[in-house]
Protein backbone atom coordinates (compact mmCIF):
# COMPACT_ATOMS: atom_id res chain seq x y z
CA MET A 1 0.00 0.00 0.00
CA THR A 2 1.24 3.49 -0.81
CA ILE A 3 1.06 6.08 1.95
CA GLY A 4 -1.16 8.97 0.87
CA ASN A 5 -0.57 12.66 1.53
CA ASP A 6 -3.63 12.67 3.79
CA GLN A 7 -2.25 9.79 5.88
CA LEU A 8 1.32 10.90 6.60
CA ILE A 9 1.55 14.60 7.49
CA ARG A 10 4.76 16.58 8.05
CA LEU A 11 4.16 18.85 11.02
CA ARG A 12 7.70 20.08 11.68
CA PRO A 13 11.05 19.41 9.98
CA ARG A 14 11.56 16.44 12.33
CA ILE A 15 7.99 15.48 13.26
CA TYR A 16 5.48 13.52 11.18
CA TYR A 17 1.97 12.35 12.02
CA LEU A 18 0.51 9.11 10.68
CA ASP A 19 -3.25 9.62 10.78
CA SER A 20 -4.79 6.21 11.45
CA ARG A 21 -8.26 7.47 10.53
CA ARG A 22 -7.08 7.68 6.93
CA VAL A 23 -5.72 4.12 7.08
CA ASN A 24 -8.93 2.44 8.19
CA SER A 25 -12.37 3.56 9.30
CA THR A 26 -11.86 3.19 13.06
CA ASN A 27 -10.71 6.11 15.19
CA VAL A 28 -7.78 4.40 16.88
CA SER A 29 -4.71 6.33 17.93
CA GLY A 30 -2.49 7.96 15.35
CA VAL A 31 1.30 7.69 15.53
CA TYR A 32 3.99 10.39 15.61
CA LEU A 33 7.40 9.81 14.05
CA VAL A 34 10.13 12.02 15.57
CA ILE A 35 13.45 12.10 13.73
CA GLY A 36 16.71 12.06 15.69
CA ASP A 37 19.40 9.42 15.24
CA GLY A 38 16.67 7.40 13.57
CA ILE A 39 12.94 7.28 14.26
CA THR A 40 11.30 7.49 17.66
CA LEU A 41 7.62 6.60 17.62
CA ILE A 42 5.12 8.15 19.97
CA GLU A 43 2.30 5.59 20.20
CA THR A 44 2.16 2.34 18.24
CA ALA A 45 -1.60 2.25 17.47
CA THR A 46 -2.86 -1.29 16.78
CA THR A 47 -1.62 -4.39 15.01
CA LEU A 48 -3.82 -3.43 12.06
CA ILE A 49 -2.04 -0.05 11.80
CA ALA A 50 1.51 -1.18 12.66
CA PRO A 51 2.50 -2.35 9.13
CA THR A 52 1.66 1.15 7.90
CA ILE A 53 4.16 2.59 10.39
CA VAL A 54 6.92 0.63 8.63
CA GLU A 55 5.69 1.95 5.28
CA ALA A 56 5.64 5.50 6.66
CA ALA A 57 9.31 5.18 7.68
CA ALA A 58 10.17 4.17 4.10
CA GLU A 59 8.11 7.06 2.75
CA ILE A 60 10.32 9.58 4.57
CA GLY A 61 13.56 7.87 3.52
CA PHE A 62 14.36 5.47 6.36
CA ASP A 63 14.82 1.72 6.59
CA GLU A 64 12.58 -0.12 9.01
CA ALA A 65 15.67 -0.87 11.16
CA ASP A 66 15.94 2.90 11.70
CA ILE A 67 12.85 2.72 13.92
CA LYS A 68 14.86 2.58 17.14
CA ARG A 69 12.43 3.28 19.95
CA ALA A 70 8.79 3.78 20.78
CA ILE A 71 7.10 5.66 23.62
CA VAL A 72 3.52 4.69 24.45
CA THR A 73 1.57 7.29 26.40
CA HIS A 74 -0.43 4.49 28.01
CA VAL A 75 -1.14 0.83 27.44
CA HIS A 76 -4.77 0.97 26.30
CA LEU A 77 -5.03 -1.15 23.17
CA ASP A 78 -5.79 1.67 20.74
CA HIS A 79 -2.50 3.36 21.72
CA SER A 80 -0.18 0.41 22.36
CA GLY A 81 -1.72 -2.66 20.72
CA GLY A 82 0.71 -2.57 17.79
CA THR A 83 3.79 -2.76 20.02
CA GLY A 84 4.09 -6.54 20.01
CA TRP A 85 3.83 -6.71 16.22
CA LEU A 86 6.53 -4.05 15.83
CA VAL A 87 8.88 -5.80 18.25
CA SER A 88 8.37 -9.11 16.45
CA ARG A 89 9.49 -7.35 13.27
CA LEU A 90 12.13 -5.14 14.90
CA PRO A 91 13.65 -7.20 17.74
CA GLU A 92 16.00 -4.39 18.85
CA LEU A 93 13.17 -1.87 19.33
CA GLN A 94 13.20 -0.20 22.76
CA VAL A 95 9.75 0.50 24.16
CA TYR A 96 9.36 3.18 26.84
CA VAL A 97 6.27 2.74 28.99
CA HIS A 98 5.13 3.86 32.43
CA GLU A 99 6.41 1.44 35.06
CA ARG A 100 2.81 0.72 36.12
CA GLY A 101 1.83 -0.32 32.62
CA LEU A 102 4.87 -2.35 31.67
CA ARG A 103 3.54 -5.73 32.79
CA HIS A 104 0.43 -5.29 30.64
CA LEU A 105 2.50 -4.94 27.47
CA HIS A 106 4.39 -8.07 28.43
CA ASP A 107 1.12 -9.94 29.07
CA PRO A 108 -1.83 -8.14 27.41
CA SER A 109 -4.51 -10.60 28.57
CA ARG A 110 -5.88 -8.27 31.26
CA LEU A 111 -5.94 -5.36 28.81
CA ILE A 112 -7.96 -7.41 26.37
CA GLY A 113 -10.32 -8.45 29.14
CA SER A 114 -10.90 -4.91 30.41
CA ALA A 115 -11.38 -3.57 26.87
CA THR A 116 -14.73 -5.37 26.73
CA ALA A 117 -16.10 -2.57 28.95
CA VAL A 118 -15.60 -0.15 26.05
CA TYR A 119 -15.82 -2.23 22.89
CA GLY A 120 -18.03 -5.21 23.74
CA GLY A 121 -17.04 -8.78 22.97
CA ALA A 122 -13.71 -10.23 21.90
CA ASP A 123 -14.72 -10.33 18.23
CA ARG A 124 -15.30 -6.57 18.25
CA ILE A 125 -11.93 -5.94 19.94
CA THR A 126 -10.12 -8.06 17.34
CA ALA A 127 -11.95 -6.33 14.49
CA ILE A 128 -10.70 -2.93 15.69
CA HIS A 129 -7.23 -3.83 16.96
CA GLY A 130 -6.22 -7.08 15.33
CA GLU A 131 -4.33 -9.63 17.40
CA THR A 132 -2.50 -8.03 20.34
CA LEU A 133 0.90 -9.70 20.77
CA PRO A 134 3.00 -9.79 23.98
CA VAL A 135 6.21 -7.77 24.22
CA PRO A 136 9.35 -9.47 25.60
CA MET A 137 10.62 -7.95 28.84
CA LYS A 138 14.03 -7.27 27.27
CA ASN A 139 12.43 -4.69 24.97
CA LEU A 140 10.58 -2.80 27.71
CA VAL A 141 12.03 0.26 29.47
CA PRO A 142 10.05 1.48 32.53
CA VAL A 143 9.82 5.28 32.93
CA THR A 144 7.86 7.85 34.90
CA ASP A 145 9.60 11.24 34.63
CA ALA A 146 12.70 11.14 32.45
CA GLU A 147 14.85 12.95 29.89
CA LEU A 148 15.44 10.97 26.70
CA ASP A 149 18.18 11.87 24.21
CA ILE A 150 17.10 10.62 20.77
CA GLY A 151 20.14 11.95 18.91
CA ALA A 152 20.72 14.85 16.50
CA GLY A 153 20.46 17.26 19.43
CA ILE A 154 16.84 16.31 20.12
CA GLY A 155 15.81 15.73 23.72
CA LEU A 156 12.38 14.55 24.85
CA ARG A 157 10.92 15.10 28.29
CA ILE A 158 8.75 12.21 29.42
CA LEU A 159 6.34 13.18 32.17
CA SER A 160 4.00 11.21 34.37
CA ALA A 161 0.48 12.43 33.55
CA PRO A 162 -2.14 10.43 35.50
CA GLY A 163 -5.87 10.96 35.21
CA HIS A 164 -7.07 9.20 32.09
CA ALA A 165 -5.14 6.26 33.53
CA SER A 166 -2.74 6.00 36.46
CA HIS A 167 0.02 4.89 34.08
CA HIS A 168 -0.38 7.73 31.57
CA LEU A 169 2.65 9.60 30.19
CA CYS A 170 3.01 12.75 28.12
CA VAL A 171 6.02 13.72 26.00
CA PHE A 172 7.34 17.27 25.50
CA GLU A 173 9.78 18.33 22.78
CA PRO A 174 11.08 21.72 23.99
CA GLU A 175 12.71 22.92 20.76
CA SER A 176 9.45 22.97 18.81
CA GLY A 177 7.22 23.35 21.87
CA SER A 178 5.29 20.24 20.88
CA LEU A 179 3.39 18.46 23.65
CA PHE A 180 2.35 14.89 22.79
CA SER A 181 -0.60 14.68 25.12
CA GLY A 182 -1.94 11.17 24.57
CA GLU A 183 -5.41 11.45 26.08
CA ALA A 184 -4.49 13.61 29.07
CA LEU A 185 -6.13 16.65 27.44
CA GLY A 186 -9.02 14.73 25.90
CA HIS A 187 -9.94 14.17 22.27
CA ASN A 188 -9.74 16.82 19.59
CA HIS A 189 -12.41 16.64 16.88
CA PRO A 190 -11.18 18.96 14.11
CA GLU A 191 -14.28 18.74 11.94
CA SER A 192 -16.39 20.34 14.67
CA GLY A 193 -13.78 22.05 16.83
CA VAL A 194 -15.07 20.12 19.85
CA LEU A 195 -12.75 19.07 22.66
CA GLN A 196 -14.14 16.09 24.54
CA PRO A 197 -12.85 14.51 27.76
CA ALA A 198 -11.13 11.15 27.36
CA VAL A 199 -12.57 9.11 30.22
CA ALA A 200 -11.89 5.39 30.49
CA PRO A 201 -13.13 3.03 33.18
CA PRO A 202 -12.02 1.83 35.62
CA GLY A 203 -8.88 3.96 36.14
CA PHE A 204 -10.16 7.50 35.44
CA ASP A 205 -9.42 9.98 38.21
CA PHE A 206 -10.92 13.47 37.96
CA GLU A 207 -8.63 15.21 40.48
CA ALA A 208 -5.52 13.64 38.95
CA SER A 209 -6.67 14.75 35.50
CA VAL A 210 -7.00 18.37 36.65
CA LYS A 211 -3.54 18.29 38.25
CA THR A 212 -2.06 16.88 35.05
CA ILE A 213 -3.72 19.57 32.93
CA ARG A 214 -2.22 22.28 35.15
CA LYS A 215 1.17 20.55 34.93
CA MET A 216 0.89 20.69 31.12
CA GLN A 217 0.04 24.39 31.33
CA LYS A 218 3.32 25.13 33.13
CA LEU A 219 5.27 23.72 30.17
CA ARG A 220 3.89 26.55 27.97
CA PRO A 221 3.66 24.36 24.85
CA ARG A 222 3.10 25.96 21.47
CA SER A 223 1.24 23.01 19.96
CA ILE A 224 -0.73 20.05 21.30
CA CYS A 225 -0.16 16.80 19.44
CA PHE A 226 -3.22 14.71 20.22
CA SER A 227 -2.96 10.98 19.70
CA GLN A 228 -6.35 11.01 18.03
CA PHE A 229 -7.08 13.59 15.34
CA GLY A 230 -3.68 15.25 15.13
CA GLN A 231 -2.22 18.60 16.09
CA ARG A 232 -3.62 21.93 17.27
CA ASN A 233 -1.61 25.13 17.47
CA ASP A 234 -3.80 27.01 19.99
CA ALA A 235 -2.24 25.31 23.00
CA PRO A 236 -3.24 27.83 25.73
CA PHE A 237 -6.90 27.62 24.71
CA VAL A 238 -6.81 23.83 24.43
CA ILE A 239 -5.39 23.41 27.92
CA GLU A 240 -7.96 25.73 29.49
CA GLU A 241 -10.78 24.11 27.53
CA ALA A 242 -9.68 20.63 28.59
CA GLU A 243 -10.14 21.51 32.25
CA ARG A 244 -13.44 23.27 31.59
CA GLN A 245 -14.86 20.30 29.68
CA LEU A 246 -13.88 17.86 32.43
CA GLU A 247 -15.88 19.93 34.91
CA VAL A 248 -18.86 20.35 32.55
CA TYR A 249 -19.12 16.60 32.04
CA ARG A 250 -18.57 15.93 35.74
CA ARG A 251 -21.52 18.08 36.79
CA PHE A 252 -23.75 16.89 33.96
CA ILE A 253 -23.24 13.17 34.56
CA LEU A 254 -23.36 13.39 38.37
CA SER A 255 -26.65 15.28 38.29
CA ARG A 256 -28.26 12.66 36.04
CA LEU A 257 -26.91 9.74 38.05
CA GLU A 258 -28.38 11.36 41.16
CA GLN A 259 -31.70 11.48 39.32
CA GLY A 260 -31.47 7.72 38.85
CA LEU A 261 -31.00 7.80 35.07
CA GLY A 262 -29.30 4.86 33.40
CA THR A 263 -26.20 4.83 31.23
CA ARG A 264 -28.04 4.61 27.90
CA ARG A 265 -30.24 7.61 28.68
CA ILE A 266 -27.26 9.69 29.86
CA VAL A 267 -25.33 8.82 26.69
CA GLU A 268 -28.26 10.12 24.65
CA ASP A 269 -28.41 13.29 26.75
CA ILE A 270 -24.68 13.98 26.39
CA ALA A 271 -25.42 15.16 22.85
CA ASP A 272 -26.89 18.27 24.46
CA LEU A 273 -23.39 19.26 25.62
CA ARG A 274 -22.08 19.39 22.06
CA PRO A 275 -22.54 22.26 19.56
CA ALA A 276 -25.44 21.76 17.16
CA ASP A 277 -23.27 20.89 14.15
CA ALA A 278 -21.29 18.30 16.13
CA ARG A 279 -24.51 16.95 17.61
CA ASP A 280 -26.06 16.46 14.19
CA ALA A 281 -22.86 14.93 12.78
CA GLY A 282 -22.71 12.47 15.64
CA ARG A 283 -26.29 11.37 15.13
CA ARG A 284 -25.62 10.75 11.44
CA GLU A 285 -22.66 8.47 12.13
CA GLU A 286 -23.39 4.90 11.07
CA GLY A 287 -21.55 1.59 10.96
CA ASP A 288 -18.17 1.27 12.65
CA ARG A 289 -17.71 4.98 13.27
CA GLY A 290 -21.17 5.41 14.76
CA GLU A 291 -20.71 2.39 17.00
CA PHE A 292 -17.28 3.61 18.06
CA LEU A 293 -18.71 7.05 18.95
CA ARG A 294 -21.41 5.46 21.10
CA SER A 295 -18.76 3.29 22.77
CA MET A 296 -16.68 6.39 23.58
CA LEU A 297 -19.66 8.21 25.10
CA THR A 298 -20.59 5.13 27.10
CA SER A 299 -17.01 4.95 28.33
CA ILE A 300 -17.23 8.57 29.55
CA VAL A 301 -20.43 7.89 31.51
CA VAL A 302 -19.20 4.62 33.03
CA GLY A 303 -15.79 6.14 33.79
CA TYR A 304 -17.28 9.06 35.70
CA GLN A 305 -19.74 6.76 37.48
CA THR A 306 -16.92 4.47 38.61
CA TYR A 307 -14.93 7.48 39.80
CA PHE A 308 -17.93 8.90 41.71
CA GLN A 309 -18.48 5.58 43.45
CA ARG A 310 -14.80 5.13 44.27
CA SER A 311 -14.52 8.67 45.69
CA GLY A 312 -17.72 8.40 47.73
CA GLN A 313 -19.68 10.98 45.72
CA LEU A 314 -22.26 8.43 44.65
CA SER A 315 -23.55 5.50 46.65
């Protein structure tokens, strides 16, 4: 397959974005390729996307052996599911992952099991992600907060960024001011301009998310490189909006849970939080994309509900 101009996007002289939405119809994580002494990946997407990463390296003039390392912001399957496939192809690949998530890349069985809360049955998970392969321990490098020299004078700051998950990382490239936010700042939807919280049960923590957002603000990034849906260059607004949206959804969902409403009804009502054009677009979504959108909204409701119960805000 030939990489199209709409799939592989040059953002900076040394930063490319592989937009997974243009590769298949499912909104799994995209992948950033950062050029130093070779290629450093930020995210590995899924096994279905991973072969395209190798093709993207060739497209920008590198051999696949030049893919030297990968950093996964967290181990949820849409962000890290392609890691095992890449390591099987590139046995020297170093994979940087939060120390709390490392064991789940080595043995992804629990990840696959917990993914049913978002995606449904095993067949649905495989259809979206492909087969998720284990990663040998020798390829895994545990990190929390660290400085990583990737050659050619490029240094990356890896930062612990809990909230979406306790094992979440963000990556900051100071020279360009690019912050690779994973899902710590939510999901960017460029067609509508909507920023939506990224809430995943069971590990979502509202207070930790707010602290992480304020930590990101102190970095003063110039651009936010979302894992889904690419880059935005209005970083100050995005960071403020991310915190605002977390609070809007928190109040909205808590009030409806206190009224005794069920998950399905609250998912339907969440459309009222979105601008009219985004609301209408969401209701028109059909097939895989429509089902994926409903799964995401369900995940938000269940994630907040689990958090409320865990923190004693809801009996």
